Amino acid sequence: QRLADALKKLGLEPIKAKGLPFDPHIHHAVEMAETDEVEDHT
């Protein structure tokens, strides 16, 4: 937590991913799964 806070002060920002639409500019898809539970490309 201390390291993450220090890096955040320097300008590092984590990318939110889970539950959001897939964006090939910030996400790298390593696996795909067929499902009807969520929208396509989530």
Full PDB file with SEQRES, HELIX, SHEET, SSBOND, CRYST1, ORIGX, SCALE, CONECT and MASTER records, all heavy atoms in Angstrom:
SEQRES   1 A   42  GLN ARG LEU ALA ASP ALA LEU LYS LYS LEU GLY LEU GLU          
SEQRES   2 A   42  PRO ILE LYS ALA LYS GLY LEU PRO PHE ASP PRO HIS ILE          
SEQRES   3 A   42  HIS HIS ALA VAL GLU MET ALA GLU THR ASP GLU VAL GLU          
SEQRES   4 A   42  ASP HIS THR                                                  
HELIX    1 AA1 ARG A    2  LEU A   10  1                                   9    
CRYST1    1.000    1.000    1.000  90.00  90.00  90.00 P 1           1          
ORIGX1      1.000000  0.000000  0.000000        0.00000                         
ORIGX2      0.000000  1.000000  0.000000        0.00000                         
ORIGX3      0.000000  0.000000  1.000000        0.00000                         
SCALE1      1.000000  0.000000  0.000000        0.00000                         
SCALE2      0.000000  1.000000  0.000000        0.00000                         
SCALE3      0.000000  0.000000  1.000000        0.00000                         
ATOM      1  N   GLN A   1       0.833  -1.208   0.000  1.00  0.00           N  
ATOM      2  CA  GLN A   1       0.000   0.000   0.000  1.00  0.00           C  
ATOM      3  C   GLN A   1       0.866   1.256   0.000  1.00  0.00           C  
ATOM      4  O   GLN A   1       0.583   2.220  -0.720  1.00  0.00           O  
ATOM      5  CB  GLN A   1      -0.945   0.001   1.205  1.00  0.00           C  
ATOM      6  CG  GLN A   1      -2.003   1.073   1.146  1.00  0.00           C  
ATOM      7  CD  GLN A   1      -2.878   0.940  -0.099  1.00  0.00           C  
ATOM      8  OE1 GLN A   1      -3.393  -0.130  -0.390  1.00  0.00           O  
ATOM      9  NE2 GLN A   1      -3.021   2.019  -0.843  1.00  0.00           N  
ATOM     10  N   ARG A   2       1.938   1.264   0.764  1.00  0.00           N  
ATOM     11  CA  ARG A   2       2.837   2.428   0.811  1.00  0.00           C  
ATOM     12  C   ARG A   2       3.510   2.646  -0.545  1.00  0.00           C  
ATOM     13  O   ARG A   2       3.636   3.778  -1.023  1.00  0.00           O  
ATOM     14  CB  ARG A   2       3.876   2.254   1.905  1.00  0.00           C  
ATOM     15  CG  ARG A   2       3.274   2.408   3.305  1.00  0.00           C  
ATOM     16  CD  ARG A   2       4.251   2.160   4.402  1.00  0.00           C  
ATOM     17  NE  ARG A   2       5.375   3.100   4.341  1.00  0.00           N  
ATOM     18  CZ  ARG A   2       6.466   2.983   5.068  1.00  0.00           C  
ATOM     19  NH1 ARG A   2       6.594   1.980   5.911  1.00  0.00           N  
ATOM     20  NH2 ARG A   2       7.437   3.853   4.959  1.00  0.00           N  
ATOM     21  N   LEU A   3       3.945   1.541  -1.170  1.00  0.00           N  
ATOM     22  CA  LEU A   3       4.576   1.642  -2.483  1.00  0.00           C  
ATOM     23  C   LEU A   3       3.575   2.136  -3.519  1.00  0.00           C  
ATOM     24  O   LEU A   3       3.887   3.026  -4.337  1.00  0.00           O  
ATOM     25  CB  LEU A   3       5.155   0.285  -2.905  1.00  0.00           C  
ATOM     26  CG  LEU A   3       5.822   0.238  -4.278  1.00  0.00           C  
ATOM     27  CD1 LEU A   3       6.999   1.215  -4.343  1.00  0.00           C  
ATOM     28  CD2 LEU A   3       6.275  -1.172  -4.601  1.00  0.00           C  
ATOM     29  N   ALA A   4       2.357   1.585  -3.523  1.00  0.00           N  
ATOM     30  CA  ALA A   4       1.324   2.005  -4.472  1.00  0.00           C  
ATOM     31  C   ALA A   4       0.996   3.490  -4.289  1.00  0.00           C  
ATOM     32  O   ALA A   4       0.846   4.223  -5.280  1.00  0.00           O  
ATOM     33  CB  ALA A   4       0.072   1.161  -4.304  1.00  0.00           C  
ATOM     34  N   ASP A   5       0.909   3.955  -3.041  1.00  0.00           N  
ATOM     35  CA  ASP A   5       0.637   5.372  -2.778  1.00  0.00           C  
ATOM     36  C   ASP A   5       1.782   6.252  -3.299  1.00  0.00           C  
ATOM     37  O   ASP A   5       1.543   7.315  -3.902  1.00  0.00           O  
ATOM     38  CB  ASP A   5       0.424   5.626  -1.283  1.00  0.00           C  
ATOM     39  CG  ASP A   5      -0.874   5.030  -0.764  1.00  0.00           C  
ATOM     40  OD1 ASP A   5      -1.753   4.691  -1.595  1.00  0.00           O  
ATOM     41  OD2 ASP A   5      -1.012   4.905   0.475  1.00  0.00           O  
ATOM     42  N   ALA A   6       3.019   5.830  -3.086  1.00  0.00           N  
ATOM     43  CA  ALA A   6       4.181   6.605  -3.549  1.00  0.00           C  
ATOM     44  C   ALA A   6       4.195   6.680  -5.078  1.00  0.00           C  
ATOM     45  O   ALA A   6       4.447   7.756  -5.657  1.00  0.00           O  
ATOM     46  CB  ALA A   6       5.471   5.987  -3.029  1.00  0.00           C  
ATOM     47  N   LEU A   7       3.916   5.557  -5.742  1.00  0.00           N  
ATOM     48  CA  LEU A   7       3.900   5.541  -7.209  1.00  0.00           C  
ATOM     49  C   LEU A   7       2.740   6.368  -7.755  1.00  0.00           C  
ATOM     50  O   LEU A   7       2.874   7.016  -8.810  1.00  0.00           O  
ATOM     51  CB  LEU A   7       3.845   4.101  -7.732  1.00  0.00           C  
ATOM     52  CG  LEU A   7       5.118   3.285  -7.525  1.00  0.00           C  
ATOM     53  CD1 LEU A   7       4.882   1.822  -7.889  1.00  0.00           C  
ATOM     54  CD2 LEU A   7       6.278   3.868  -8.323  1.00  0.00           C  
ATOM     55  N   LYS A   8       1.616   6.360  -7.055  1.00  0.00           N  
ATOM     56  CA  LYS A   8       0.460   7.163  -7.474  1.00  0.00           C  
ATOM     57  C   LYS A   8       0.818   8.651  -7.428  1.00  0.00           C  
ATOM     58  O   LYS A   8       0.446   9.428  -8.322  1.00  0.00           O  
ATOM     59  CB  LYS A   8      -0.734   6.857  -6.570  1.00  0.00           C  
ATOM     60  CG  LYS A   8      -2.017   7.455  -7.054  1.00  0.00           C  
ATOM     61  CD  LYS A   8      -3.189   6.968  -6.229  1.00  0.00           C  
ATOM     62  CE  LYS A   8      -4.488   7.434  -6.849  1.00  0.00           C  
ATOM     63  NZ  LYS A   8      -5.645   6.907  -6.130  1.00  0.00           N  
ATOM     64  N   LYS A   9       1.568   9.066  -6.400  1.00  0.00           N  
ATOM     65  CA  LYS A   9       1.998  10.458  -6.296  1.00  0.00           C  
ATOM     66  C   LYS A   9       2.923  10.836  -7.450  1.00  0.00           C  
ATOM     67  O   LYS A   9       2.969  11.990  -7.876  1.00  0.00           O  
ATOM     68  CB  LYS A   9       2.717  10.699  -4.960  1.00  0.00           C  
ATOM     69  CG  LYS A   9       1.782  10.752  -3.779  1.00  0.00           C  
ATOM     70  CD  LYS A   9       2.554  10.983  -2.496  1.00  0.00           C  
ATOM     71  CE  LYS A   9       1.606  10.924  -1.304  1.00  0.00           C  
ATOM     72  NZ  LYS A   9       2.330  11.067  -0.035  1.00  0.00           N  
ATOM     73  N   LEU A  10       3.658   9.857  -7.947  1.00  0.00           N  
ATOM     74  CA  LEU A  10       4.564  10.111  -9.075  1.00  0.00           C  
ATOM     75  C   LEU A  10       3.845  10.090 -10.422  1.00  0.00           C  
ATOM     76  O   LEU A  10       4.437  10.414 -11.450  1.00  0.00           O  
ATOM     77  CB  LEU A  10       5.702   9.089  -9.085  1.00  0.00           C  
ATOM     78  CG  LEU A  10       6.677   9.167  -7.917  1.00  0.00           C  
ATOM     79  CD1 LEU A  10       7.634   7.994  -7.944  1.00  0.00           C  
ATOM     80  CD2 LEU A  10       7.437  10.489  -7.962  1.00  0.00           C  
ATOM     81  N   GLY A  11       2.569   9.643 -10.441  1.00  0.00           N  
ATOM     82  CA  GLY A  11       1.802   9.676 -11.680  1.00  0.00           C  
ATOM     83  C   GLY A  11       1.334   8.315 -12.168  1.00  0.00           C  
ATOM     84  O   GLY A  11       0.773   8.212 -13.264  1.00  0.00           O  
ATOM     85  N   LEU A  12       1.533   7.260 -11.422  1.00  0.00           N  
ATOM     86  CA  LEU A  12       1.094   5.926 -11.841  1.00  0.00           C  
ATOM     87  C   LEU A  12      -0.378   5.753 -11.499  1.00  0.00           C  
ATOM     88  O   LEU A  12      -0.798   6.038 -10.386  1.00  0.00           O  
ATOM     89  CB  LEU A  12       1.921   4.849 -11.126  1.00  0.00           C  
ATOM     90  CG  LEU A  12       1.644   3.414 -11.573  1.00  0.00           C  
ATOM     91  CD1 LEU A  12       2.173   3.200 -12.986  1.00  0.00           C  
ATOM     92  CD2 LEU A  12       2.270   2.418 -10.624  1.00  0.00           C  
ATOM     93  N   GLU A  13      -1.159   5.285 -12.498  1.00  0.00           N  
ATOM     94  CA  GLU A  13      -2.587   5.075 -12.279  1.00  0.00           C  
ATOM     95  C   GLU A  13      -2.955   3.669 -12.727  1.00  0.00           C  
ATOM     96  O   GLU A  13      -2.677   3.293 -13.871  1.00  0.00           O  
ATOM     97  CB  GLU A  13      -3.409   6.084 -13.084  1.00  0.00           C  
ATOM     98  CG  GLU A  13      -3.164   7.508 -12.702  1.00  0.00           C  
ATOM     99  CD  GLU A  13      -3.796   8.479 -13.687  1.00  0.00           C  
ATOM    100  OE1 GLU A  13      -4.509   8.028 -14.608  1.00  0.00           O  
ATOM    101  OE2 GLU A  13      -3.567   9.683 -13.540  1.00  0.00           O  
ATOM    102  N   PRO A  14      -3.608   2.865 -11.844  1.00  0.00           N  
ATOM    103  CA  PRO A  14      -4.043   1.529 -12.271  1.00  0.00           C  
ATOM    104  C   PRO A  14      -5.201   1.641 -13.255  1.00  0.00           C  
ATOM    105  O   PRO A  14      -6.011   2.563 -13.191  1.00  0.00           O  
ATOM    106  CB  PRO A  14      -4.478   0.852 -10.968  1.00  0.00           C  
ATOM    107  CG  PRO A  14      -4.671   1.935  -9.979  1.00  0.00           C  
ATOM    108  CD  PRO A  14      -3.905   3.130 -10.435  1.00  0.00           C  
ATOM    109  N   ILE A  15      -5.243   0.692 -14.187  1.00  0.00           N  
ATOM    110  CA  ILE A  15      -6.323   0.652 -15.174  1.00  0.00           C  
ATOM    111  C   ILE A  15      -7.410  -0.262 -14.633  1.00  0.00           C  
ATOM    112  O   ILE A  15      -7.147  -1.414 -14.282  1.00  0.00           O  
ATOM    113  CB  ILE A  15      -5.808   0.123 -16.531  1.00  0.00           C  
ATOM    114  CG1 ILE A  15      -4.764   1.085 -17.100  1.00  0.00           C  
ATOM    115  CG2 ILE A  15      -6.958  -0.083 -17.503  1.00  0.00           C  
ATOM    116  CD1 ILE A  15      -4.089   0.566 -18.352  1.00  0.00           C  
ATOM    117  N   LYS A  16      -8.634   0.232 -14.590  1.00  0.00           N  
ATOM    118  CA  LYS A  16      -9.779  -0.586 -14.170  1.00  0.00           C  
ATOM    119  C   LYS A  16     -10.149  -1.465 -15.347  1.00  0.00           C  
ATOM    120  O   LYS A  16     -10.161  -1.010 -16.488  1.00  0.00           O  
ATOM    121  CB  LYS A  16     -10.968   0.297 -13.797  1.00  0.00           C  
ATOM    122  CG  LYS A  16     -10.665   1.308 -12.720  1.00  0.00           C  
ATOM    123  CD  LYS A  16     -11.167   0.831 -11.398  1.00  0.00           C  
ATOM    124  CE  LYS A  16     -11.080   1.939 -10.389  1.00  0.00           C  
ATOM    125  NZ  LYS A  16     -10.087   1.732  -9.386  1.00  0.00           N  
ATOM    126  N   ALA A  17     -10.486  -2.736 -15.064  1.00  0.00           N  
ATOM    127  CA  ALA A  17     -10.790  -3.626 -16.177  1.00  0.00           C  
ATOM    128  C   ALA A  17     -12.019  -4.493 -15.922  1.00  0.00           C  
ATOM    129  O   ALA A  17     -12.918  -4.542 -16.764  1.00  0.00           O  
ATOM    130  CB  ALA A  17      -9.586  -4.502 -16.486  1.00  0.00           C  
ATOM    131  N   LYS A  18     -12.081  -5.177 -14.809  1.00  0.00           N  
ATOM    132  CA  LYS A  18     -13.125  -6.170 -14.569  1.00  0.00           C  
ATOM    133  C   LYS A  18     -14.516  -5.525 -14.598  1.00  0.00           C  
ATOM    134  O   LYS A  18     -14.765  -4.531 -13.926  1.00  0.00           O  
ATOM    135  CB  LYS A  18     -12.903  -6.868 -13.227  1.00  0.00           C  
ATOM    136  CG  LYS A  18     -13.829  -8.046 -13.017  1.00  0.00           C  
ATOM    137  CD  LYS A  18     -13.455  -8.846 -11.780  1.00  0.00           C  
ATOM    138  CE  LYS A  18     -14.417  -9.999 -11.637  1.00  0.00           C  
ATOM    139  NZ  LYS A  18     -14.077 -10.848 -10.523  1.00  0.00           N  
ATOM    140  N   GLY A  19     -15.411  -6.145 -15.419  1.00  0.00           N  
ATOM    141  CA  GLY A  19     -16.786  -5.677 -15.520  1.00  0.00           C  
ATOM    142  C   GLY A  19     -16.992  -4.549 -16.519  1.00  0.00           C  
ATOM    143  O   GLY A  19     -18.113  -4.149 -16.788  1.00  0.00           O  
ATOM    144  N   LEU A  20     -15.903  -4.007 -17.075  1.00  0.00           N  
ATOM    145  CA  LEU A  20     -15.991  -2.919 -18.047  1.00  0.00           C  
ATOM    146  C   LEU A  20     -15.904  -3.478 -19.465  1.00  0.00           C  
ATOM    147  O   LEU A  20     -15.403  -4.593 -19.679  1.00  0.00           O  
ATOM    148  CB  LEU A  20     -14.855  -1.908 -17.822  1.00  0.00           C  
ATOM    149  CG  LEU A  20     -14.863  -1.205 -16.462  1.00  0.00           C  
ATOM    150  CD1 LEU A  20     -13.631  -0.324 -16.321  1.00  0.00           C  
ATOM    151  CD2 LEU A  20     -16.130  -0.363 -16.291  1.00  0.00           C  
ATOM    152  N   PRO A  21     -16.347  -2.718 -20.466  1.00  0.00           N  
ATOM    153  CA  PRO A  21     -16.214  -3.180 -21.852  1.00  0.00           C  
ATOM    154  C   PRO A  21     -14.736  -3.303 -22.233  1.00  0.00           C  
ATOM    155  O   PRO A  21     -13.902  -2.499 -21.806  1.00  0.00           O  
ATOM    156  CB  PRO A  21     -16.895  -2.082 -22.679  1.00  0.00           C  
ATOM    157  CG  PRO A  21     -17.729  -1.309 -21.719  1.00  0.00           C  
ATOM    158  CD  PRO A  21     -17.095  -1.466 -20.373  1.00  0.00           C  
ATOM    159  N   PHE A  22     -14.429  -4.303 -23.047  1.00  0.00           N  
ATOM    160  CA  PHE A  22     -13.055  -4.522 -23.502  1.00  0.00           C  
ATOM    161  C   PHE A  22     -12.627  -3.361 -24.394  1.00  0.00           C  
ATOM    162  O   PHE A  22     -13.336  -2.944 -25.299  1.00  0.00           O  
ATOM    163  CB  PHE A  22     -12.985  -5.848 -24.272  1.00  0.00           C  
ATOM    164  CG  PHE A  22     -11.648  -6.111 -24.881  1.00  0.00           C  
ATOM    165  CD1 PHE A  22     -10.575  -6.497 -24.111  1.00  0.00           C  
ATOM    166  CD2 PHE A  22     -11.452  -5.940 -26.260  1.00  0.00           C  
ATOM    167  CE1 PHE A  22      -9.332  -6.729 -24.678  1.00  0.00           C  
ATOM    168  CE2 PHE A  22     -10.219  -6.173 -26.834  1.00  0.00           C  
ATOM    169  CZ  PHE A  22      -9.160  -6.567 -26.049  1.00  0.00           C  
ATOM    170  N   ASP A  23     -11.432  -2.812 -24.126  1.00  0.00           N  
ATOM    171  CA  ASP A  23     -10.844  -1.744 -24.938  1.00  0.00           C  
ATOM    172  C   ASP A  23      -9.456  -2.219 -25.360  1.00  0.00           C  
ATOM    173  O   ASP A  23      -8.553  -2.340 -24.528  1.00  0.00           O  
ATOM    174  CB  ASP A  23     -10.750  -0.454 -24.119  1.00  0.00           C  
ATOM    175  CG  ASP A  23     -10.159   0.710 -24.892  1.00  0.00           C  
ATOM    176  OD1 ASP A  23      -9.661   0.510 -26.027  1.00  0.00           O  
ATOM    177  OD2 ASP A  23     -10.193   1.832 -24.347  1.00  0.00           O  
ATOM    178  N   PRO A  24      -9.253  -2.493 -26.641  1.00  0.00           N  
ATOM    179  CA  PRO A  24      -7.965  -3.027 -27.084  1.00  0.00           C  
ATOM    180  C   PRO A  24      -6.809  -2.053 -26.893  1.00  0.00           C  
ATOM    181  O   PRO A  24      -5.646  -2.463 -26.950  1.00  0.00           O  
ATOM    182  CB  PRO A  24      -8.193  -3.327 -28.567  1.00  0.00           C  
ATOM    183  CG  PRO A  24      -9.373  -2.530 -28.982  1.00  0.00           C  
ATOM    184  CD  PRO A  24     -10.195  -2.322 -27.742  1.00  0.00           C  
ATOM    185  N   HIS A  25      -7.076  -0.786 -26.624  1.00  0.00           N  
ATOM    186  CA  HIS A  25      -6.022   0.190 -26.403  1.00  0.00           C  
ATOM    187  C   HIS A  25      -5.412   0.071 -25.000  1.00  0.00           C  
ATOM    188  O   HIS A  25      -4.264   0.471 -24.790  1.00  0.00           O  
ATOM    189  CB  HIS A  25      -6.557   1.616 -26.621  1.00  0.00           C  
ATOM    190  CG  HIS A  25      -6.961   1.865 -28.024  1.00  0.00           C  
ATOM    191  ND1 HIS A  25      -8.254   1.699 -28.466  1.00  0.00           N  
ATOM    192  CD2 HIS A  25      -6.231   2.240 -29.114  1.00  0.00           C  
ATOM    193  CE1 HIS A  25      -8.314   1.971 -29.740  1.00  0.00           C  
ATOM    194  NE2 HIS A  25      -7.086   2.299 -30.167  1.00  0.00           N  
ATOM    195  N   ILE A  26      -6.207  -0.454 -24.054  1.00  0.00           N  
ATOM    196  CA  ILE A  26      -5.696  -0.554 -22.669  1.00  0.00           C  
ATOM    197  C   ILE A  26      -5.785  -1.971 -22.112  1.00  0.00           C  
ATOM    198  O   ILE A  26      -5.272  -2.239 -21.023  1.00  0.00           O  
ATOM    199  CB  ILE A  26      -6.445   0.420 -21.726  1.00  0.00           C  
ATOM    200  CG1 ILE A  26      -7.948   0.124 -21.711  1.00  0.00           C  
ATOM    201  CG2 ILE A  26      -6.143   1.867 -22.083  1.00  0.00           C  
ATOM    202  CD1 ILE A  26      -8.725   0.899 -20.677  1.00  0.00           C  
ATOM    203  N   HIS A  27      -6.424  -2.880 -22.856  1.00  0.00           N  
ATOM    204  CA  HIS A  27      -6.562  -4.271 -22.400  1.00  0.00           C  
ATOM    205  C   HIS A  27      -5.872  -5.199 -23.392  1.00  0.00           C  
ATOM    206  O   HIS A  27      -5.914  -4.960 -24.600  1.00  0.00           O  
ATOM    207  CB  HIS A  27      -8.041  -4.674 -22.299  1.00  0.00           C  
ATOM    208  CG  HIS A  27      -8.834  -3.855 -21.339  1.00  0.00           C  
ATOM    209  ND1 HIS A  27     -10.087  -3.369 -21.642  1.00  0.00           N  
ATOM    210  CD2 HIS A  27      -8.559  -3.415 -20.078  1.00  0.00           C  
ATOM    211  CE1 HIS A  27     -10.554  -2.695 -20.612  1.00  0.00           C  
ATOM    212  NE2 HIS A  27      -9.630  -2.702 -19.659  1.00  0.00           N  
ATOM    213  N   HIS A  28      -5.301  -6.233 -22.878  1.00  0.00           N  
ATOM    214  CA  HIS A  28      -4.706  -7.281 -23.705  1.00  0.00           C  
ATOM    215  C   HIS A  28      -5.468  -8.568 -23.398  1.00  0.00           C  
ATOM    216  O   HIS A  28      -5.340  -9.126 -22.309  1.00  0.00           O  
ATOM    217  CB  HIS A  28      -3.212  -7.438 -23.376  1.00  0.00           C  
ATOM    218  CG  HIS A  28      -2.550  -8.548 -24.106  1.00  0.00           C  
ATOM    219  ND1 HIS A  28      -2.191  -8.443 -25.433  1.00  0.00           N  
ATOM    220  CD2 HIS A  28      -2.170  -9.789 -23.708  1.00  0.00           C  
ATOM    221  CE1 HIS A  28      -1.624  -9.568 -25.815  1.00  0.00           C  
ATOM    222  NE2 HIS A  28      -1.594 -10.409 -24.789  1.00  0.00           N  
ATOM    223  N   ALA A  29      -6.280  -9.043 -24.366  1.00  0.00           N  
ATOM    224  CA  ALA A  29      -7.098 -10.241 -24.148  1.00  0.00           C  
ATOM    225  C   ALA A  29      -6.212 -11.475 -24.285  1.00  0.00           C  
ATOM    226  O   ALA A  29      -5.592 -11.695 -25.313  1.00  0.00           O  
ATOM    227  CB  ALA A  29      -8.232 -10.295 -25.156  1.00  0.00           C  
ATOM    228  N   VAL A  30      -6.164 -12.272 -23.219  1.00  0.00           N  
ATOM    229  CA  VAL A  30      -5.378 -13.512 -23.255  1.00  0.00           C  
ATOM    230  C   VAL A  30      -6.282 -14.739 -23.253  1.00  0.00           C  
ATOM    231  O   VAL A  30      -5.810 -15.853 -23.479  1.00  0.00           O  
ATOM    232  CB  VAL A  30      -4.379 -13.588 -22.077  1.00  0.00           C  
ATOM    233  CG1 VAL A  30      -3.311 -12.518 -22.231  1.00  0.00           C  
ATOM    234  CG2 VAL A  30      -5.070 -13.474 -20.743  1.00  0.00           C  
ATOM    235  N   GLU A  31      -7.594 -14.506 -23.030  1.00  0.00           N  
ATOM    236  CA  GLU A  31      -8.544 -15.612 -23.028  1.00  0.00           C  
ATOM    237  C   GLU A  31      -9.923 -15.062 -23.350  1.00  0.00           C  
ATOM    238  O   GLU A  31     -10.255 -13.932 -23.002  1.00  0.00           O  
ATOM    239  CB  GLU A  31      -8.563 -16.302 -21.656  1.00  0.00           C  
ATOM    240  CG  GLU A  31      -9.419 -17.534 -21.605  1.00  0.00           C  
ATOM    241  CD  GLU A  31      -9.380 -18.236 -20.248  1.00  0.00           C  
ATOM    242  OE1 GLU A  31      -8.567 -17.851 -19.383  1.00  0.00           O  
ATOM    243  OE2 GLU A  31     -10.188 -19.149 -20.066  1.00  0.00           O  
ATOM    244  N   MET A  32     -10.717 -15.903 -24.038  1.00  0.00           N  
ATOM    245  CA  MET A  32     -12.095 -15.533 -24.355  1.00  0.00           C  
ATOM    246  C   MET A  32     -12.986 -16.660 -23.868  1.00  0.00           C  
ATOM    247  O   MET A  32     -12.615 -17.828 -23.972  1.00  0.00           O  
ATOM    248  CB  MET A  32     -12.263 -15.310 -25.850  1.00  0.00           C  
ATOM    249  CG  MET A  32     -11.404 -14.181 -26.380  1.00  0.00           C  
ATOM    250  SD  MET A  32     -11.458 -14.080 -28.142  1.00  0.00           S  
ATOM    251  CE  MET A  32     -12.524 -12.704 -28.360  1.00  0.00           C  
ATOM    252  N   ALA A  33     -14.157 -16.311 -23.348  1.00  0.00           N  
ATOM    253  CA  ALA A  33     -15.082 -17.316 -22.831  1.00  0.00           C  
ATOM    254  C   ALA A  33     -16.487 -17.010 -23.322  1.00  0.00           C  
ATOM    255  O   ALA A  33     -16.944 -15.866 -23.242  1.00  0.00           O  
ATOM    256  CB  ALA A  33     -15.046 -17.326 -21.311  1.00  0.00           C  
ATOM    257  N   GLU A  34     -17.155 -18.049 -23.856  1.00  0.00           N  
ATOM    258  CA  GLU A  34     -18.536 -17.880 -24.300  1.00  0.00           C  
ATOM    259  C   GLU A  34     -19.453 -17.839 -23.079  1.00  0.00           C  
ATOM    260  O   GLU A  34     -19.360 -18.694 -22.207  1.00  0.00           O  
ATOM    261  CB  GLU A  34     -18.949 -19.041 -25.209  1.00  0.00           C  
ATOM    262  CG  GLU A  34     -18.289 -19.012 -26.557  1.00  0.00           C  
ATOM    263  CD  GLU A  34     -18.823 -20.102 -27.487  1.00  0.00           C  
ATOM    264  OE1 GLU A  34     -19.850 -20.751 -27.139  1.00  0.00           O  
ATOM    265  OE2 GLU A  34     -18.222 -20.305 -28.541  1.00  0.00           O  
ATOM    266  N   THR A  35     -20.350 -16.838 -23.071  1.00  0.00           N  
ATOM    267  CA  THR A  35     -21.297 -16.713 -21.974  1.00  0.00           C  
ATOM    268  C   THR A  35     -22.454 -15.818 -22.381  1.00  0.00           C  
ATOM    269  O   THR A  35     -22.300 -14.942 -23.239  1.00  0.00           O  
ATOM    270  CB  THR A  35     -20.622 -16.160 -20.695  1.00  0.00           C  
ATOM    271  OG1 THR A  35     -21.581 -16.130 -19.659  1.00  0.00           O  
ATOM    272  CG2 THR A  35     -20.052 -14.787 -20.907  1.00  0.00           C  
ATOM    273  N   ASP A  36     -23.607 -16.057 -21.782  1.00  0.00           N  
ATOM    274  CA  ASP A  36     -24.777 -15.196 -21.977  1.00  0.00           C  
ATOM    275  C   ASP A  36     -25.058 -14.381 -20.716  1.00  0.00           C  
ATOM    276  O   ASP A  36     -26.032 -13.628 -20.671  1.00  0.00           O  
ATOM    277  CB  ASP A  36     -26.026 -16.055 -22.294  1.00  0.00           C  
ATOM    278  CG  ASP A  36     -25.962 -16.661 -23.681  1.00  0.00           C  
ATOM    279  OD1 ASP A  36     -25.345 -16.028 -24.564  1.00  0.00           O  
ATOM    280  OD2 ASP A  36     -26.520 -17.757 -23.879  1.00  0.00           O  
ATOM    281  N   GLU A  37     -24.214 -14.520 -19.711  1.00  0.00           N  
ATOM    282  CA  GLU A  37     -24.438 -13.860 -18.422  1.00  0.00           C  
ATOM    283  C   GLU A  37     -24.105 -12.372 -18.464  1.00  0.00           C  
ATOM    284  O   GLU A  37     -24.629 -11.597 -17.669  1.00  0.00           O  
ATOM    285  CB  GLU A  37     -23.632 -14.559 -17.326  1.00  0.00           C  
ATOM    286  CG  GLU A  37     -24.087 -15.983 -17.089  1.00  0.00           C  
ATOM    287  CD  GLU A  37     -23.247 -16.707 -16.051  1.00  0.00           C  
ATOM    288  OE1 GLU A  37     -22.467 -16.047 -15.334  1.00  0.00           O  
ATOM    289  OE2 GLU A  37     -23.375 -17.927 -15.969  1.00  0.00           O  
ATOM    290  N   VAL A  38     -23.189 -11.959 -19.317  1.00  0.00           N  
ATOM    291  CA  VAL A  38     -22.815 -10.549 -19.432  1.00  0.00           C  
ATOM    292  C   VAL A  38     -22.830 -10.171 -20.912  1.00  0.00           C  
ATOM    293  O   VAL A  38     -22.889 -11.023 -21.799  1.00  0.00           O  
ATOM    294  CB  VAL A  38     -21.411 -10.267 -18.835  1.00  0.00           C  
ATOM    295  CG1 VAL A  38     -21.408 -10.483 -17.341  1.00  0.00           C  
ATOM    296  CG2 VAL A  38     -20.351 -11.090 -19.515  1.00  0.00           C  
ATOM    297  N   GLU A  39     -22.729  -8.869 -21.195  1.00  0.00           N  
ATOM    298  CA  GLU A  39     -22.713  -8.401 -22.575  1.00  0.00           C  
ATOM    299  C   GLU A  39     -21.464  -8.890 -23.291  1.00  0.00           C  
ATOM    300  O   GLU A  39     -20.430  -9.122 -22.673  1.00  0.00           O  
ATOM    301  CB  GLU A  39     -22.742  -6.868 -22.614  1.00  0.00           C  
ATOM    302  CG  GLU A  39     -24.102  -6.288 -22.359  1.00  0.00           C  
ATOM    303  CD  GLU A  39     -24.094  -4.793 -22.627  1.00  0.00           C  
ATOM    304  OE1 GLU A  39     -23.476  -4.332 -23.612  1.00  0.00           O  
ATOM    305  OE2 GLU A  39     -24.715  -4.088 -21.822  1.00  0.00           O  
ATOM    306  N   ASP A  40     -21.586  -8.993 -24.592  1.00  0.00           N  
ATOM    307  CA  ASP A  40     -20.472  -9.385 -25.443  1.00  0.00           C  
ATOM    308  C   ASP A  40     -19.325  -8.387 -25.267  1.00  0.00           C  
ATOM    309  O   ASP A  40     -19.542  -7.179 -25.141  1.00  0.00           O  
ATOM    310  CB  ASP A  40     -20.956  -9.404 -26.906  1.00  0.00           C  
ATOM    311  CG  ASP A  40     -19.957 -10.059 -27.841  1.00  0.00           C  
ATOM    312  OD1 ASP A  40     -19.216 -10.942 -27.376  1.00  0.00           O  
ATOM    313  OD2 ASP A  40     -19.923  -9.682 -29.027  1.00  0.00           O  
ATOM    314  N   HIS A  41     -18.091  -8.872 -25.236  1.00  0.00           N  
ATOM    315  CA  HIS A  41     -16.858  -8.091 -25.098  1.00  0.00           C  
ATOM    316  C   HIS A  41     -16.765  -7.356 -23.752  1.00  0.00           C  
ATOM    317  O   HIS A  41     -16.266  -6.236 -23.677  1.00  0.00           O  
ATOM    318  CB  HIS A  41     -16.702  -7.105 -26.261  1.00  0.00           C  
ATOM    319  CG  HIS A  41     -16.409  -7.797 -27.547  1.00  0.00           C  
ATOM    320  ND1 HIS A  41     -17.406  -8.255 -28.386  1.00  0.00           N  
ATOM    321  CD2 HIS A  41     -15.236  -8.147 -28.130  1.00  0.00           C  
ATOM    322  CE1 HIS A  41     -16.874  -8.845 -29.429  1.00  0.00           C  
ATOM    323  NE2 HIS A  41     -15.538  -8.802 -29.302  1.00  0.00           N  
ATOM    324  N   THR A  42     -17.240  -8.003 -22.701  1.00  0.00           N  
ATOM    325  CA  THR A  42     -17.082  -7.466 -21.346  1.00  0.00           C  
ATOM    326  C   THR A  42     -15.930  -8.221 -20.682  1.00  0.00           C  
ATOM    327  O   THR A  42     -15.771  -9.429 -20.851  1.00  0.00           O  
ATOM    328  CB  THR A  42     -18.370  -7.665 -20.516  1.00  0.00           C  
ATOM    329  OG1 THR A  42     -19.438  -6.976 -21.167  1.00  0.00           O  
ATOM    330  CG2 THR A  42     -18.205  -7.131 -19.102  1.00  0.00           C  
TER     331      THR A  42                                                      
MASTER        0    0    0    1    0    0    0    6  330    1    0    4          
END                                                                             
